[in-house]
Amino acid sequence: QVQLVESGGGLVQAGGSLKLSCVASARTFNPNLMGWFRQFLGKEREFVAAIRWSSGSTYYSDSVKGRFTISRDNAKNTVYLQMNSLKPEDTAVYYCAAGRPLSLDSEEYEHWGLGTQVTVSS
């Protein structure tokens, strides 16, 4: 059983930064991918970024490329999302995901966290 717990969300002014963390609790943990998704109020969840657990290769949505950075610490079973130059339109609930999806930007990940709220004020 894998549990994912996100932290680091909060309220920040436009142009500011936040760093999200997601810790995986499991006896053995070896996903193919870990990802971050977000859900705007009243909208479907959308892909933000993903990282291959073994190689560290990273992938981003066009809307966050150049502003957000995904990274991981394999020893700590933790993935991070550094968010810079935040905009009000980044306001959403951010979810961590882990697993072996066929498509890294789909919702086919086996494990999901409960989410953390990020609010960016103008």
PDB file of N, CA and C in Angstrom:
ATOM      1  N   GLN A   1       0.845  -1.187   0.000  1.00  0.00           N
ATOM      2  CA  GLN A   1       0.000   0.000   0.000  1.00  0.00           C
ATOM      3  C   GLN A   1       0.885   1.243   0.000  1.00  0.00           C
ATOM      4  N   VAL A   2       0.681   2.112  -0.960  1.00  0.00           N
ATOM      5  CA  VAL A   2       1.449   3.341  -1.075  1.00  0.00           C
ATOM      6  C   VAL A   2       0.574   4.513  -0.675  1.00  0.00           C
ATOM      7  N   GLN A   3       1.069   5.321   0.236  1.00  0.00           N
ATOM      8  CA  GLN A   3       0.380   6.560   0.608  1.00  0.00           C
ATOM      9  C   GLN A   3       1.243   7.737   0.203  1.00  0.00           C
ATOM     10  N   LEU A   4       0.615   8.712  -0.424  1.00  0.00           N
ATOM     11  CA  LEU A   4       1.295   9.931  -0.833  1.00  0.00           C
ATOM     12  C   LEU A   4       0.737  11.103  -0.033  1.00  0.00           C
ATOM     13  N   VAL A   5       1.623  11.893   0.541  1.00  0.00           N
ATOM     14  CA  VAL A   5       1.201  13.029   1.357  1.00  0.00           C
ATOM     15  C   VAL A   5       1.887  14.284   0.853  1.00  0.00           C
ATOM     16  N   GLU A   6       1.061  15.226   0.377  1.00  0.00           N
ATOM     17  CA  GLU A   6       1.593  16.498  -0.114  1.00  0.00           C
ATOM     18  C   GLU A   6       1.667  17.512   1.018  1.00  0.00           C
ATOM     19  N   SER A   7       2.580  18.458   0.867  1.00  0.00           N
ATOM     20  CA  SER A   7       2.691  19.578   1.800  1.00  0.00           C
ATOM     21  C   SER A   7       3.322  20.752   1.070  1.00  0.00           C
ATOM     22  N   GLY A   8       3.241  21.925   1.695  1.00  0.00           N
ATOM     23  CA  GLY A   8       3.892  23.102   1.132  1.00  0.00           C
ATOM     24  C   GLY A   8       2.973  24.092   0.467  1.00  0.00           C
ATOM     25  N   GLY A   9       1.705  23.747   0.355  1.00  0.00           N
ATOM     26  CA  GLY A   9       0.770  24.689  -0.243  1.00  0.00           C
ATOM     27  C   GLY A   9       0.517  25.870   0.678  1.00  0.00           C
ATOM     28  N   GLY A  10      -0.159  26.874   0.141  1.00  0.00           N
ATOM     29  CA  GLY A  10      -0.474  28.041   0.945  1.00  0.00           C
ATOM     30  C   GLY A  10      -0.864  29.217   0.087  1.00  0.00           C
ATOM     31  N   LEU A  11      -0.815  30.381   0.711  1.00  0.00           N
ATOM     32  CA  LEU A  11      -1.180  31.631   0.051  1.00  0.00           C
ATOM     33  C   LEU A  11       0.083  32.425  -0.249  1.00  0.00           C
ATOM     34  N   VAL A  12       0.195  32.887  -1.490  1.00  0.00           N
ATOM     35  CA  VAL A  12       1.371  33.657  -1.891  1.00  0.00           C
ATOM     36  C   VAL A  12       0.933  34.749  -2.858  1.00  0.00           C
ATOM     37  N   GLN A  13       1.666  35.823  -2.891  1.00  0.00           N
ATOM     38  CA  GLN A  13       1.366  36.906  -3.824  1.00  0.00           C
ATOM     39  C   GLN A  13       1.889  36.563  -5.217  1.00  0.00           C
ATOM     40  N   ALA A  14       1.269  37.154  -6.199  1.00  0.00           N
ATOM     41  CA  ALA A  14       1.720  36.961  -7.578  1.00  0.00           C
ATOM     42  C   ALA A  14       3.194  37.335  -7.695  1.00  0.00           C
ATOM     43  N   GLY A  15       3.923  36.504  -8.421  1.00  0.00           N
ATOM     44  CA  GLY A  15       5.358  36.700  -8.562  1.00  0.00           C
ATOM     45  C   GLY A  15       6.182  35.959  -7.527  1.00  0.00           C
ATOM     46  N   GLY A  16       5.516  35.444  -6.524  1.00  0.00           N
ATOM     47  CA  GLY A  16       6.209  34.731  -5.460  1.00  0.00           C
ATOM     48  C   GLY A  16       6.473  33.282  -5.796  1.00  0.00           C
ATOM     49  N   SER A  17       6.974  32.566  -4.802  1.00  0.00           N
ATOM     50  CA  SER A  17       7.364  31.162  -4.989  1.00  0.00           C
ATOM     51  C   SER A  17       6.820  30.294  -3.869  1.00  0.00           C
ATOM     52  N   LEU A  18       6.610  29.043  -4.204  1.00  0.00           N
ATOM     53  CA  LEU A  18       6.274  28.008  -3.236  1.00  0.00           C
ATOM     54  C   LEU A  18       6.968  26.726  -3.658  1.00  0.00           C
ATOM     55  N   LYS A  19       7.252  25.876  -2.667  1.00  0.00           N
ATOM     56  CA  LYS A  19       7.824  24.567  -2.975  1.00  0.00           C
ATOM     57  C   LYS A  19       6.946  23.498  -2.350  1.00  0.00           C
ATOM     58  N   LEU A  20       6.375  22.669  -3.194  1.00  0.00           N
ATOM     59  CA  LEU A  20       5.553  21.556  -2.733  1.00  0.00           C
ATOM     60  C   LEU A  20       6.410  20.311  -2.556  1.00  0.00           C
ATOM     61  N   SER A  21       6.024  19.521  -1.584  1.00  0.00           N
ATOM     62  CA  SER A  21       6.685  18.234  -1.355  1.00  0.00           C
ATOM     63  C   SER A  21       5.644  17.136  -1.338  1.00  0.00           C
ATOM     64  N   CYS A  22       6.066  15.970  -1.734  1.00  0.00           N
ATOM     65  CA  CYS A  22       5.190  14.791  -1.691  1.00  0.00           C
ATOM     66  C   CYS A  22       6.030  13.615  -1.223  1.00  0.00           C
ATOM     67  N   VAL A  23       5.645  13.075  -0.075  1.00  0.00           N
ATOM     68  CA  VAL A  23       6.371  11.951   0.499  1.00  0.00           C
ATOM     69  C   VAL A  23       5.559  10.679   0.310  1.00  0.00           C
ATOM     70  N   ALA A  24       6.230   9.650  -0.154  1.00  0.00           N
ATOM     71  CA  ALA A  24       5.578   8.358  -0.346  1.00  0.00           C
ATOM     72  C   ALA A  24       5.938   7.427   0.798  1.00  0.00           C
ATOM     73  N   SER A  25       4.898   6.860   1.393  1.00  0.00           N
ATOM     74  CA  SER A  25       5.096   5.887   2.467  1.00  0.00           C
ATOM     75  C   SER A  25       4.758   4.512   1.935  1.00  0.00           C
ATOM     76  N   ALA A  26       5.766   3.675   1.867  1.00  0.00           N
ATOM     77  CA  ALA A  26       5.555   2.323   1.371  1.00  0.00           C
ATOM     78  C   ALA A  26       6.736   1.469   1.767  1.00  0.00           C
ATOM     79  N   ARG A  27       6.494   0.180   1.937  1.00  0.00           N
ATOM     80  CA  ARG A  27       7.595  -0.708   2.298  1.00  0.00           C
ATOM     81  C   ARG A  27       8.602  -0.765   1.161  1.00  0.00           C
ATOM     82  N   THR A  28       8.103  -0.870  -0.029  1.00  0.00           N
ATOM     83  CA  THR A  28       8.955  -0.773  -1.217  1.00  0.00           C
ATOM     84  C   THR A  28       8.310   0.242  -2.151  1.00  0.00           C
ATOM     85  N   PHE A  29       9.122   1.066  -2.730  1.00  0.00           N
ATOM     86  CA  PHE A  29       8.596   2.124  -3.584  1.00  0.00           C
ATOM     87  C   PHE A  29       9.470   2.250  -4.803  1.00  0.00           C
ATOM     88  N   ASN A  30       8.943   1.900  -5.924  1.00  0.00           N
ATOM     89  CA  ASN A  30       9.708   1.967  -7.170  1.00  0.00           C
ATOM     90  C   ASN A  30       8.773   2.259  -8.338  1.00  0.00           C
ATOM     91  N   PRO A  31       8.209   3.459  -8.341  1.00  0.00           N
ATOM     92  CA  PRO A  31       7.326   3.782  -9.464  1.00  0.00           C
ATOM     93  C   PRO A  31       8.127   4.033 -10.732  1.00  0.00           C
ATOM     94  N   ASN A  32       7.474   4.052 -11.829  1.00  0.00           N
ATOM     95  CA  ASN A  32       8.114   4.466 -13.079  1.00  0.00           C
ATOM     96  C   ASN A  32       8.152   5.987 -13.157  1.00  0.00           C
ATOM     97  N   LEU A  33       7.038   6.580 -12.750  1.00  0.00           N
ATOM     98  CA  LEU A  33       6.891   8.031 -12.829  1.00  0.00           C
ATOM     99  C   LEU A  33       6.263   8.581 -11.562  1.00  0.00           C
ATOM    100  N   MET A  34       6.620   9.798 -11.237  1.00  0.00           N
ATOM    101  CA  MET A  34       5.864  10.577 -10.253  1.00  0.00           C
ATOM    102  C   MET A  34       5.475  11.875 -10.926  1.00  0.00           C
ATOM    103  N   GLY A  35       4.276  12.311 -10.626  1.00  0.00           N
ATOM    104  CA  GLY A  35       3.779  13.497 -11.301  1.00  0.00           C
ATOM    105  C   GLY A  35       3.057  14.446 -10.368  1.00  0.00           C
ATOM    106  N   TRP A  36       2.905  15.641 -10.856  1.00  0.00           N
ATOM    107  CA  TRP A  36       2.078  16.655 -10.186  1.00  0.00           C
ATOM    108  C   TRP A  36       0.956  17.052 -11.148  1.00  0.00           C
ATOM    109  N   PHE A  37      -0.223  17.096 -10.604  1.00  0.00           N
ATOM    110  CA  PHE A  37      -1.398  17.546 -11.335  1.00  0.00           C
ATOM    111  C   PHE A  37      -2.051  18.659 -10.531  1.00  0.00           C
ATOM    112  N   ARG A  38      -2.933  19.414 -11.160  1.00  0.00           N
ATOM    113  CA  ARG A  38      -3.677  20.434 -10.430  1.00  0.00           C
ATOM    114  C   ARG A  38      -5.101  20.474 -10.932  1.00  0.00           C
ATOM    115  N   GLN A  39      -5.949  20.937 -10.048  1.00  0.00           N
ATOM    116  CA  GLN A  39      -7.364  21.026 -10.373  1.00  0.00           C
ATOM    117  C   GLN A  39      -7.884  22.398 -10.002  1.00  0.00           C
ATOM    118  N   PHE A  40      -8.318  23.124 -11.013  1.00  0.00           N
ATOM    119  CA  PHE A  40      -8.940  24.423 -10.782  1.00  0.00           C
ATOM    120  C   PHE A  40     -10.369  24.204 -10.311  1.00  0.00           C
ATOM    121  N   LEU A  41     -10.897  25.176  -9.611  1.00  0.00           N
ATOM    122  CA  LEU A  41     -12.252  25.070  -9.086  1.00  0.00           C
ATOM    123  C   LEU A  41     -13.244  24.827 -10.219  1.00  0.00           C
ATOM    124  N   GLY A  42     -13.967  23.746 -10.127  1.00  0.00           N
ATOM    125  CA  GLY A  42     -14.981  23.439 -11.125  1.00  0.00           C
ATOM    126  C   GLY A  42     -14.457  22.857 -12.421  1.00  0.00           C
ATOM    127  N   LYS A  43     -13.164  22.563 -12.460  1.00  0.00           N
ATOM    128  CA  LYS A  43     -12.556  22.037 -13.678  1.00  0.00           C
ATOM    129  C   LYS A  43     -11.995  20.640 -13.436  1.00  0.00           C
ATOM    130  N   GLU A  44     -11.644  19.975 -14.523  1.00  0.00           N
ATOM    131  CA  GLU A  44     -10.998  18.672 -14.416  1.00  0.00           C
ATOM    132  C   GLU A  44      -9.523  18.842 -14.044  1.00  0.00           C
ATOM    133  N   ARG A  45      -8.979  17.800 -13.481  1.00  0.00           N
ATOM    134  CA  ARG A  45      -7.576  17.819 -13.103  1.00  0.00           C
ATOM    135  C   ARG A  45      -6.706  17.857 -14.358  1.00  0.00           C
ATOM    136  N   GLU A  46      -5.601  18.610 -14.286  1.00  0.00           N
ATOM    137  CA  GLU A  46      -4.723  18.702 -15.443  1.00  0.00           C
ATOM    138  C   GLU A  46      -3.280  18.414 -15.053  1.00  0.00           C
ATOM    139  N   PHE A  47      -2.532  17.936 -16.009  1.00  0.00           N
ATOM    140  CA  PHE A  47      -1.133  17.602 -15.818  1.00  0.00           C
ATOM    141  C   PHE A  47      -0.296  18.868 -15.634  1.00  0.00           C
ATOM    142  N   VAL A  48       0.655  18.790 -14.693  1.00  0.00           N
ATOM    143  CA  VAL A  48       1.582  19.895 -14.473  1.00  0.00           C
ATOM    144  C   VAL A  48       3.003  19.481 -14.833  1.00  0.00           C
ATOM    145  N   ALA A  49       3.486  18.407 -14.197  1.00  0.00           N
ATOM    146  CA  ALA A  49       4.868  17.978 -14.420  1.00  0.00           C
ATOM    147  C   ALA A  49       5.009  16.520 -13.997  1.00  0.00           C
ATOM    148  N   ALA A  50       6.040  15.873 -14.533  1.00  0.00           N
ATOM    149  CA  ALA A  50       6.328  14.493 -14.162  1.00  0.00           C
ATOM    150  C   ALA A  50       7.829  14.267 -14.200  1.00  0.00           C
ATOM    151  N   ILE A  51       8.242  13.247 -13.462  1.00  0.00           N
ATOM    152  CA  ILE A  51       9.660  12.899 -13.412  1.00  0.00           C
ATOM    153  C   ILE A  51       9.800  11.384 -13.385  1.00  0.00           C
ATOM    154  N   ARG A  52      10.715  10.864 -14.161  1.00  0.00           N
ATOM    155  CA  ARG A  52      10.999   9.433 -14.139  1.00  0.00           C
ATOM    156  C   ARG A  52      11.821   9.124 -12.895  1.00  0.00           C
ATOM    157  N   TRP A  53      11.358   8.143 -12.120  1.00  0.00           N
ATOM    158  CA  TRP A  53      11.957   7.878 -10.823  1.00  0.00           C
ATOM    159  C   TRP A  53      13.414   7.425 -10.949  1.00  0.00           C
ATOM    160  N   SER A  54      13.710   6.647 -11.976  1.00  0.00           N
ATOM    161  CA  SER A  54      15.054   6.108 -12.097  1.00  0.00           C
ATOM    162  C   SER A  54      16.021   7.097 -12.746  1.00  0.00           C
ATOM    163  N   SER A  55      15.632   7.684 -13.859  1.00  0.00           N
ATOM    164  CA  SER A  55      16.557   8.519 -14.618  1.00  0.00           C
ATOM    165  C   SER A  55      16.524   9.986 -14.211  1.00  0.00           C
ATOM    166  N   GLY A  56      15.406  10.420 -13.666  1.00  0.00           N
ATOM    167  CA  GLY A  56      15.258  11.832 -13.326  1.00  0.00           C
ATOM    168  C   GLY A  56      14.824  12.697 -14.494  1.00  0.00           C
ATOM    169  N   SER A  57      14.517  12.099 -15.619  1.00  0.00           N
ATOM    170  CA  SER A  57      14.022  12.886 -16.752  1.00  0.00           C
ATOM    171  C   SER A  57      12.733  13.590 -16.365  1.00  0.00           C
ATOM    172  N   THR A  58      12.600  14.829 -16.816  1.00  0.00           N
ATOM    173  CA  THR A  58      11.457  15.641 -16.410  1.00  0.00           C
ATOM    174  C   THR A  58      10.621  16.070 -17.611  1.00  0.00           C
ATOM    175  N   TYR A  59       9.354  16.328 -17.322  1.00  0.00           N
ATOM    176  CA  TYR A  59       8.389  16.705 -18.345  1.00  0.00           C
ATOM    177  C   TYR A  59       7.473  17.753 -17.741  1.00  0.00           C
ATOM    178  N   TYR A  60       7.067  18.738 -18.565  1.00  0.00           N
ATOM    179  CA  TYR A  60       6.246  19.831 -18.067  1.00  0.00           C
ATOM    180  C   TYR A  60       5.130  20.170 -19.049  1.00  0.00           C
ATOM    181  N   SER A  61       4.058  20.686 -18.499  1.00  0.00           N
ATOM    182  CA  SER A  61       3.027  21.256 -19.353  1.00  0.00           C
ATOM    183  C   SER A  61       3.526  22.604 -19.860  1.00  0.00           C
ATOM    184  N   ASP A  62       2.999  23.028 -20.978  1.00  0.00           N
ATOM    185  CA  ASP A  62       3.433  24.302 -21.549  1.00  0.00           C
ATOM    186  C   ASP A  62       3.138  25.470 -20.620  1.00  0.00           C
ATOM    187  N   SER A  63       2.092  25.349 -19.825  1.00  0.00           N
ATOM    188  CA  SER A  63       1.676  26.469 -18.977  1.00  0.00           C
ATOM    189  C   SER A  63       2.632  26.727 -17.820  1.00  0.00           C
ATOM    190  N   VAL A  64       3.459  25.756 -17.477  1.00  0.00           N
ATOM    191  CA  VAL A  64       4.358  25.944 -16.329  1.00  0.00           C
ATOM    192  C   VAL A  64       5.830  25.851 -16.724  1.00  0.00           C
ATOM    193  N   LYS A  65       6.108  25.473 -17.939  1.00  0.00           N
ATOM    194  CA  LYS A  65       7.488  25.301 -18.385  1.00  0.00           C
ATOM    195  C   LYS A  65       8.267  26.602 -18.204  1.00  0.00           C
ATOM    196  N   GLY A  66       9.431  26.507 -17.593  1.00  0.00           N
ATOM    197  CA  GLY A  66      10.252  27.679 -17.343  1.00  0.00           C
ATOM    198  C   GLY A  66       9.981  28.343 -16.007  1.00  0.00           C
ATOM    199  N   ARG A  67       8.874  27.992 -15.367  1.00  0.00           N
ATOM    200  CA  ARG A  67       8.537  28.570 -14.060  1.00  0.00           C
ATOM    201  C   ARG A  67       8.576  27.521 -12.945  1.00  0.00           C
ATOM    202  N   PHE A  68       8.167  26.309 -13.258  1.00  0.00           N
ATOM    203  CA  PHE A  68       8.110  25.230 -12.266  1.00  0.00           C
ATOM    204  C   PHE A  68       9.240  24.237 -12.526  1.00  0.00           C
ATOM    205  N   THR A  69       9.723  23.640 -11.449  1.00  0.00           N
ATOM    206  CA  THR A  69      10.764  22.615 -11.556  1.00  0.00           C
ATOM    207  C   THR A  69      10.395  21.423 -10.690  1.00  0.00           C
ATOM    208  N   ILE A  70      10.349  20.255 -11.295  1.00  0.00           N
ATOM    209  CA  ILE A  70      10.091  19.026 -10.544  1.00  0.00           C
ATOM    210  C   ILE A  70      11.422  18.341 -10.276  1.00  0.00           C
ATOM    211  N   SER A  71      11.550  17.797  -9.082  1.00  0.00           N
ATOM    212  CA  SER A  71      12.768  17.075  -8.715  1.00  0.00           C
ATOM    213  C   SER A  71      12.398  15.954  -7.758  1.00  0.00           C
ATOM    214  N   ARG A  72      13.349  15.061  -7.499  1.00  0.00           N
ATOM    215  CA  ARG A  72      13.052  13.973  -6.574  1.00  0.00           C
ATOM    216  C   ARG A  72      14.272  13.628  -5.750  1.00  0.00           C
ATOM    217  N   ASP A  73      13.993  13.050  -4.600  1.00  0.00           N
ATOM    218  CA  ASP A  73      15.021  12.517  -3.720  1.00  0.00           C
ATOM    219  C   ASP A  73      14.656  11.055  -3.481  1.00  0.00           C
ATOM    220  N   ASN A  74      15.321  10.178  -4.209  1.00  0.00           N
ATOM    221  CA  ASN A  74      14.971   8.757  -4.133  1.00  0.00           C
ATOM    222  C   ASN A  74      15.150   8.190  -2.730  1.00  0.00           C
ATOM    223  N   ALA A  75      16.173   8.653  -2.043  1.00  0.00           N
ATOM    224  CA  ALA A  75      16.450   8.126  -0.710  1.00  0.00           C
ATOM    225  C   ALA A  75      15.341   8.472   0.275  1.00  0.00           C
ATOM    226  N   LYS A  76      14.664   9.585   0.020  1.00  0.00           N
ATOM    227  CA  LYS A  76      13.598  10.032   0.918  1.00  0.00           C
ATOM    228  C   LYS A  76      12.218   9.720   0.357  1.00  0.00           C
ATOM    229  N   ASN A  77      12.152   9.041  -0.786  1.00  0.00           N
ATOM    230  CA  ASN A  77      10.851   8.748  -1.417  1.00  0.00           C
ATOM    231  C   ASN A  77      10.027  10.019  -1.572  1.00  0.00           C
ATOM    232  N   THR A  78      10.680  11.079  -2.003  1.00  0.00           N
ATOM    233  CA  THR A  78      10.038  12.383  -2.040  1.00  0.00           C
ATOM    234  C   THR A  78      10.200  13.031  -3.412  1.00  0.00           C
ATOM    235  N   VAL A  79       9.145  13.644  -3.862  1.00  0.00           N
ATOM    236  CA  VAL A  79       9.188  14.447  -5.081  1.00  0.00           C
ATOM    237  C   VAL A  79       8.804  15.878  -4.718  1.00  0.00           C
ATOM    238  N   TYR A  80       9.410  16.822  -5.389  1.00  0.00           N
ATOM    239  CA  TYR A  80       9.193  18.240  -5.101  1.00  0.00           C
ATOM    240  C   TYR A  80       8.680  18.956  -6.350  1.00  0.00           C
ATOM    241  N   LEU A  81       8.021  20.071  -6.105  1.00  0.00           N
ATOM    242  CA  LEU A  81       7.634  20.959  -7.191  1.00  0.00           C
ATOM    243  C   LEU A  81       7.959  22.376  -6.751  1.00  0.00           C
ATOM    244  N   GLN A  82       9.025  22.918  -7.300  1.00  0.00           N
ATOM    245  CA  GLN A  82       9.390  24.304  -7.036  1.00  0.00           C
ATOM    246  C   GLN A  82       8.632  25.182  -8.013  1.00  0.00           C
ATOM    247  N   MET A  83       7.849  26.084  -7.471  1.00  0.00           N
ATOM    248  CA  MET A  83       7.008  26.939  -8.302  1.00  0.00           C
ATOM    249  C   MET A  83       7.448  28.386  -8.141  1.00  0.00           C
ATOM    250  N   ASN A  84       7.934  28.964  -9.216  1.00  0.00           N
ATOM    251  CA  ASN A  84       8.389  30.349  -9.213  1.00  0.00           C
ATOM    252  C   ASN A  84       7.504  31.198 -10.122  1.00  0.00           C
ATOM    253  N   SER A  85       7.609  32.491  -9.958  1.00  0.00           N
ATOM    254  CA  SER A  85       6.841  33.431 -10.790  1.00  0.00           C
ATOM    255  C   SER A  85       5.371  33.041 -10.829  1.00  0.00           C
ATOM    256  N   LEU A  86       4.824  32.781  -9.670  1.00  0.00           N
ATOM    257  CA  LEU A  86       3.444  32.312  -9.604  1.00  0.00           C
ATOM    258  C   LEU A  86       2.466  33.378 -10.065  1.00  0.00           C
ATOM    259  N   LYS A  87       1.394  32.918 -10.690  1.00  0.00           N
ATOM    260  CA  LYS A  87       0.356  33.795 -11.220  1.00  0.00           C
ATOM    261  C   LYS A  87      -0.972  33.436 -10.560  1.00  0.00           C
ATOM    262  N   PRO A  88      -1.915  34.370 -10.517  1.00  0.00           N
ATOM    263  CA  PRO A  88      -3.232  34.037  -9.955  1.00  0.00           C
ATOM    264  C   PRO A  88      -3.863  32.826 -10.648  1.00  0.00           C
ATOM    265  N   GLU A  89      -3.594  32.649 -11.916  1.00  0.00           N
ATOM    266  CA  GLU A  89      -4.171  31.506 -12.638  1.00  0.00           C
ATOM    267  C   GLU A  89      -3.536  30.175 -12.269  1.00  0.00           C
ATOM    268  N   ASP A  90      -2.507  30.194 -11.424  1.00  0.00           N
ATOM    269  CA  ASP A  90      -1.942  28.951 -10.896  1.00  0.00           C
ATOM    270  C   ASP A  90      -2.713  28.467  -9.662  1.00  0.00           C
ATOM    271  N   THR A  91      -3.647  29.271  -9.195  1.00  0.00           N
ATOM    272  CA  THR A  91      -4.444  28.893  -8.027  1.00  0.00           C
ATOM    273  C   THR A  91      -5.227  27.620  -8.304  1.00  0.00           C
ATOM    274  N   ALA A  92      -4.987  26.601  -7.476  1.00  0.00           N
ATOM    275  CA  ALA A  92      -5.603  25.295  -7.691  1.00  0.00           C
ATOM    276  C   ALA A  92      -5.245  24.390  -6.522  1.00  0.00           C
ATOM    277  N   VAL A  93      -5.858  23.227  -6.502  1.00  0.00           N
ATOM    278  CA  VAL A  93      -5.421  22.156  -5.611  1.00  0.00           C
ATOM    279  C   VAL A  93      -4.398  21.329  -6.385  1.00  0.00           C
ATOM    280  N   TYR A  94      -3.248  21.123  -5.792  1.00  0.00           N
ATOM    281  CA  TYR A  94      -2.166  20.389  -6.440  1.00  0.00           C
ATOM    282  C   TYR A  94      -2.079  18.980  -5.853  1.00  0.00           C
ATOM    283  N   TYR A  95      -2.041  17.999  -6.752  1.00  0.00           N
ATOM    284  CA  TYR A  95      -2.016  16.597  -6.375  1.00  0.00           C
ATOM    285  C   TYR A  95      -0.710  15.945  -6.824  1.00  0.00           C
ATOM    286  N   CYS A  96      -0.222  15.073  -5.979  1.00  0.00           N
ATOM    287  CA  CYS A  96       0.924  14.245  -6.300  1.00  0.00           C
ATOM    288  C   CYS A  96       0.417  12.875  -6.755  1.00  0.00           C
ATOM    289  N   ALA A  97       1.116  12.286  -7.703  1.00  0.00           N
ATOM    290  CA  ALA A  97       0.730  10.968  -8.202  1.00  0.00           C
ATOM    291  C   ALA A  97       1.978  10.121  -8.441  1.00  0.00           C
ATOM    292  N   ALA A  98       1.801   8.822  -8.331  1.00  0.00           N
ATOM    293  CA  ALA A  98       2.921   7.904  -8.567  1.00  0.00           C
ATOM    294  C   ALA A  98       2.409   6.632  -9.223  1.00  0.00           C
ATOM    295  N   GLY A  99       3.220   6.055 -10.063  1.00  0.00           N
ATOM    296  CA  GLY A  99       2.823   4.795 -10.672  1.00  0.00           C
ATOM    297  C   GLY A  99       3.491   4.532 -11.986  1.00  0.00           C
ATOM    298  N   ARG A 100       2.802   3.747 -12.806  1.00  0.00           N
ATOM    299  CA  ARG A 100       3.327   3.337 -14.108  1.00  0.00           C
ATOM    300  C   ARG A 100       2.280   3.585 -15.185  1.00  0.00           C
ATOM    301  N   PRO A 101       1.933   4.846 -15.399  1.00  0.00           N
ATOM    302  CA  PRO A 101       0.917   5.141 -16.415  1.00  0.00           C
ATOM    303  C   PRO A 101       1.459   4.896 -17.819  1.00  0.00           C
ATOM    304  N   LEU A 102       0.562   4.593 -18.727  1.00  0.00           N
ATOM    305  CA  LEU A 102       0.967   4.440 -20.122  1.00  0.00           C
ATOM    306  C   LEU A 102       1.352   5.794 -20.706  1.00  0.00           C
ATOM    307  N   SER A 103       0.689   6.818 -20.231  1.00  0.00           N
ATOM    308  CA  SER A 103       0.963   8.169 -20.690  1.00  0.00           C
ATOM    309  C   SER A 103       1.215   9.050 -19.486  1.00  0.00           C
ATOM    310  N   LEU A 104       2.346   9.727 -19.436  1.00  0.00           N
ATOM    311  CA  LEU A 104       2.747  10.443 -18.220  1.00  0.00           C
ATOM    312  C   LEU A 104       1.841  11.614 -17.898  1.00  0.00           C
ATOM    313  N   ASP A 105       1.104  12.117 -18.855  1.00  0.00           N
ATOM    314  CA  ASP A 105       0.234  13.261 -18.580  1.00  0.00           C
ATOM    315  C   ASP A 105      -1.230  12.852 -18.446  1.00  0.00           C
ATOM    316  N   SER A 106      -1.467  11.565 -18.328  1.00  0.00           N
ATOM    317  CA  SER A 106      -2.828  11.089 -18.114  1.00  0.00           C
ATOM    318  C   SER A 106      -3.051  10.846 -16.631  1.00  0.00           C
ATOM    319  N   GLU A 107      -4.273  10.452 -16.266  1.00  0.00           N
ATOM    320  CA  GLU A 107      -4.575  10.170 -14.862  1.00  0.00           C
ATOM    321  C   GLU A 107      -4.464   8.685 -14.549  1.00  0.00           C
ATOM    322  N   GLU A 108      -3.642   7.974 -15.286  1.00  0.00           N
ATOM    323  CA  GLU A 108      -3.513   6.530 -15.122  1.00  0.00           C
ATOM    324  C   GLU A 108      -2.564   6.125 -14.000  1.00  0.00           C
ATOM    325  N   TYR A 109      -2.127   7.080 -13.204  1.00  0.00           N
ATOM    326  CA  TYR A 109      -1.253   6.761 -12.081  1.00  0.00           C
ATOM    327  C   TYR A 109      -2.042   5.947 -11.044  1.00  0.00           C
ATOM    328  N   GLU A 110      -1.388   4.979 -10.433  1.00  0.00           N
ATOM    329  CA  GLU A 110      -2.066   4.102  -9.480  1.00  0.00           C
ATOM    330  C   GLU A 110      -2.304   4.766  -8.121  1.00  0.00           C
ATOM    331  N   HIS A 111      -1.443   5.685  -7.756  1.00  0.00           N
ATOM    332  CA  HIS A 111      -1.494   6.240  -6.397  1.00  0.00           C
ATOM    333  C   HIS A 111      -1.591   7.757  -6.455  1.00  0.00           C
ATOM    334  N   TRP A 112      -2.447   8.296  -5.582  1.00  0.00           N
ATOM    335  CA  TRP A 112      -2.682   9.738  -5.555  1.00  0.00           C
ATOM    336  C   TRP A 112      -2.681  10.233  -4.120  1.00  0.00           C
ATOM    337  N   GLY A 113      -2.176  11.464  -3.943  1.00  0.00           N
ATOM    338  CA  GLY A 113      -2.317  12.119  -2.665  1.00  0.00           C
ATOM    339  C   GLY A 113      -3.660  12.817  -2.568  1.00  0.00           C
ATOM    340  N   LEU A 114      -3.919  13.419  -1.430  1.00  0.00           N
ATOM    341  CA  LEU A 114      -5.186  14.109  -1.195  1.00  0.00           C
ATOM    342  C   LEU A 114      -5.183  15.550  -1.678  1.00  0.00           C
ATOM    343  N   GLY A 115      -4.008  16.063  -2.005  1.00  0.00           N
ATOM    344  CA  GLY A 115      -3.919  17.395  -2.565  1.00  0.00           C
ATOM    345  C   GLY A 115      -3.562  18.458  -1.542  1.00  0.00           C
ATOM    346  N   THR A 116      -2.999  19.542  -2.050  1.00  0.00           N
ATOM    347  CA  THR A 116      -2.677  20.701  -1.221  1.00  0.00           C
ATOM    348  C   THR A 116      -3.068  21.960  -1.980  1.00  0.00           C
ATOM    349  N   GLN A 117      -3.699  22.880  -1.278  1.00  0.00           N
ATOM    350  CA  GLN A 117      -4.216  24.090  -1.912  1.00  0.00           C
ATOM    351  C   GLN A 117      -3.102  25.116  -2.112  1.00  0.00           C
ATOM    352  N   VAL A 118      -3.038  25.645  -3.313  1.00  0.00           N
ATOM    353  CA  VAL A 118      -2.147  26.764  -3.633  1.00  0.00           C
ATOM    354  C   VAL A 118      -3.020  27.921  -4.084  1.00  0.00           C
ATOM    355  N   THR A 119      -2.867  29.055  -3.408  1.00  0.00           N
ATOM    356  CA  THR A 119      -3.635  30.243  -3.753  1.00  0.00           C
ATOM    357  C   THR A 119      -2.676  31.387  -4.035  1.00  0.00           C
ATOM    358  N   VAL A 120      -2.810  31.978  -5.210  1.00  0.00           N
ATOM    359  CA  VAL A 120      -1.944  33.084  -5.606  1.00  0.00           C
ATOM    360  C   VAL A 120      -2.799  34.336  -5.716  1.00  0.00           C
ATOM    361  N   SER A 121      -2.498  35.320  -4.912  1.00  0.00           N
ATOM    362  CA  SER A 121      -3.272  36.562  -4.905  1.00  0.00           C
ATOM    363  C   SER A 121      -2.646  37.578  -5.857  1.00  0.00           C
ATOM    364  N   SER A 122      -3.501  38.399  -6.421  1.00  0.00           N
ATOM    365  CA  SER A 122      -3.013  39.394  -7.381  1.00  0.00           C
ATOM    366  C   SER A 122      -2.645  40.689  -6.689  1.00  0.00           C
TER     367      SER A 122
END
